C-alpha atoms as a PDB file:
ATOM      1  CA  UNK A   1      57.347 -13.242  34.665  1.00  0.00           C
ATOM      2  CA  UNK A   2      60.299 -15.596  34.505  1.00  0.00           C
ATOM      3  CA  UNK A   3      60.260 -18.977  32.762  1.00  0.00           C
ATOM      4  CA  UNK A   4      60.302 -20.942  36.002  1.00  0.00           C
ATOM      5  CA  UNK A   5      57.142 -19.217  37.231  1.00  0.00           C
ATOM      6  CA  UNK A   6      55.435 -19.576  33.851  1.00  0.00           C
ATOM      7  CA  UNK A   7      56.161 -23.313  33.831  1.00  0.00           C
ATOM      8  CA  UNK A   8      54.745 -23.670  37.359  1.00  0.00           C
ATOM      9  CA  UNK A   9      51.573 -21.787  36.477  1.00  0.00           C
ATOM     10  CA  UNK A  10      51.034 -23.811  33.302  1.00  0.00           C
ATOM     11  CA  UNK A  11      51.523 -27.019  35.278  1.00  0.00           C
ATOM     12  CA  UNK A  12      49.173 -25.846  38.054  1.00  0.00           C
ATOM     13  CA  UNK A  13      46.497 -24.911  35.518  1.00  0.00           C
ATOM     14  CA  UNK A  14      46.695 -28.287  33.806  1.00  0.00           C
ATOM     15  CA  UNK A  15      46.801 -30.225  37.084  1.00  0.00           C
ATOM     16  CA  UNK A  16      43.763 -28.273  38.289  1.00  0.00           C
ATOM     17  CA  UNK A  17      41.643 -28.310  35.148  1.00  0.00           C
ATOM     18  CA  UNK A  18      42.596 -31.576  33.438  1.00  0.00           C
ATOM     19  CA  UNK A  19      44.562 -33.761  35.851  1.00  0.00           C
ATOM     20  CA  UNK A  20      43.904 -36.866  33.767  1.00  0.00           C
ATOM     21  CA  UNK A  21      45.985 -35.339  30.962  1.00  0.00           C
ATOM     22  CA  UNK A  22      49.174 -34.817  33.022  1.00  0.00           C
ATOM     23  CA  UNK A  23      52.009 -36.704  31.326  1.00  0.00           C
ATOM     24  CA  UNK A  24      55.774 -37.103  31.514  1.00  0.00           C
ATOM     25  CA  UNK A  25      56.231 -34.133  29.183  1.00  0.00           C
ATOM     26  CA  UNK A  26      54.635 -31.832  31.773  1.00  0.00           C
ATOM     27  CA  UNK A  27      57.185 -32.917  34.373  1.00  0.00           C
ATOM     28  CA  UNK A  28      59.976 -32.588  31.795  1.00  0.00           C
ATOM     29  CA  UNK A  29      58.829 -28.997  31.125  1.00  0.00           C
ATOM     30  CA  UNK A  30      59.089 -28.242  34.835  1.00  0.00           C
ATOM     31  CA  UNK A  31      62.607 -29.716  34.970  1.00  0.00           C
ATOM     32  CA  UNK A  32      63.644 -27.759  31.860  1.00  0.00           C
ATOM     33  CA  UNK A  33      62.458 -24.556  33.518  1.00  0.00           C
ATOM     34  CA  UNK A  34      64.693 -25.212  36.539  1.00  0.00           C
ATOM     35  CA  UNK A  35      62.494 -27.191  38.929  1.00  0.00           C
ATOM     36  CA  UNK A  36      64.131 -30.082  40.763  1.00  0.00           C
ATOM     37  CA  UNK A  37      62.383 -33.266  41.926  1.00  0.00           C
ATOM     38  CA  UNK A  38      61.661 -31.943  45.410  1.00  0.00           C
ATOM     39  CA  UNK A  39      60.209 -28.708  44.030  1.00  0.00           C
ATOM     40  CA  UNK A  40      58.012 -30.562  41.541  1.00  0.00           C
ATOM     41  CA  UNK A  41      56.781 -32.893  44.280  1.00  0.00           C
ATOM     42  CA  UNK A  42      56.048 -30.023  46.676  1.00  0.00           C
ATOM     43  CA  UNK A  43      54.295 -27.986  43.972  1.00  0.00           C
ATOM     44  CA  UNK A  44      52.196 -31.012  43.007  1.00  0.00           C
ATOM     45  CA  UNK A  45      51.266 -31.657  46.642  1.00  0.00           C
ATOM     46  CA  UNK A  46      50.278 -28.033  47.269  1.00  0.00           C
ATOM     47  CA  UNK A  47      48.285 -27.743  44.051  1.00  0.00           C
ATOM     48  CA  UNK A  48      46.480 -31.011  44.809  1.00  0.00           C
ATOM     49  CA  UNK A  49      45.798 -29.984  48.408  1.00  0.00           C
ATOM     50  CA  UNK A  50      44.313 -26.624  47.455  1.00  0.00           C
ATOM     51  CA  UNK A  51      42.198 -28.246  44.757  1.00  0.00           C
ATOM     52  CA  UNK A  52      40.984 -30.820  47.286  1.00  0.00           C
ATOM     53  CA  UNK A  53      40.203 -28.270  49.993  1.00  0.00           C
ATOM     54  CA  UNK A  54      38.443 -25.972  47.543  1.00  0.00           C
ATOM     55  CA  UNK A  55      36.251 -28.785  46.302  1.00  0.00           C
ATOM     56  CA  UNK A  56      35.455 -29.861  49.868  1.00  0.00           C
ATOM     57  CA  UNK A  57      34.452 -26.299  50.729  1.00  0.00           C
ATOM     58  CA  UNK A  58      32.229 -26.106  47.662  1.00  0.00           C
ATOM     59  CA  UNK A  59      30.651 -29.490  48.368  1.00  0.00           C
ATOM     60  CA  UNK A  60      29.883 -28.565  51.966  1.00  0.00           C
ATOM     61  CA  UNK A  61      28.157 -25.329  51.004  1.00  0.00           C
ATOM     62  CA  UNK A  62      30.667 -22.937  52.530  1.00  0.00           C
ATOM     63  CA  UNK A  63      30.606 -19.455  50.998  1.00  0.00           C
ATOM     64  CA  UNK A  64      33.315 -18.501  48.500  1.00  0.00           C
ATOM     65  CA  UNK A  65      36.178 -16.372  49.755  1.00  0.00           C
ATOM     66  CA  UNK A  66      35.454 -12.705  49.228  1.00  0.00           C
ATOM     67  CA  UNK A  67      38.290 -10.473  48.069  1.00  0.00           C
ATOM     68  CA  UNK A  68      37.667  -6.814  48.927  1.00  0.00           C
ATOM     69  CA  UNK A  69      37.403  -4.543  45.888  1.00  0.00           C
ATOM     70  CA  UNK A  70      40.172  -2.305  47.206  1.00  0.00           C
ATOM     71  CA  UNK A  71      42.619  -5.158  47.882  1.00  0.00           C
ATOM     72  CA  UNK A  72      46.023  -4.652  46.287  1.00  0.00           C
ATOM     73  CA  UNK A  73      48.325  -7.632  45.926  1.00  0.00           C
ATOM     74  CA  UNK A  74      52.024  -7.019  45.329  1.00  0.00           C
ATOM     75  CA  UNK A  75      52.106 -10.059  43.028  1.00  0.00           C
ATOM     76  CA  UNK A  76      49.542  -8.484  40.724  1.00  0.00           C
ATOM     77  CA  UNK A  77      51.256  -5.148  40.197  1.00  0.00           C
ATOM     78  CA  UNK A  78      53.481  -4.342  37.265  1.00  0.00           C
ATOM     79  CA  UNK A  79      55.789  -2.053  39.271  1.00  0.00           C
END
């Protein structure tokens, strides 16, 4: 995985799990990895939206998404 993707995933994890701890250094890490302002904004908006929608689904009692056991995602393969 390249550095840009690793920085995005670290940022997404922190924004999801501990949003109150996001600080300027997290944004600086994204910039250092090659993200521009528009990309950081769009990533933040998407991460926040999916967190919001997931919490709304959970709060309204909707069932969790089921991933079939035989599902194969290209992103998850090491080929």
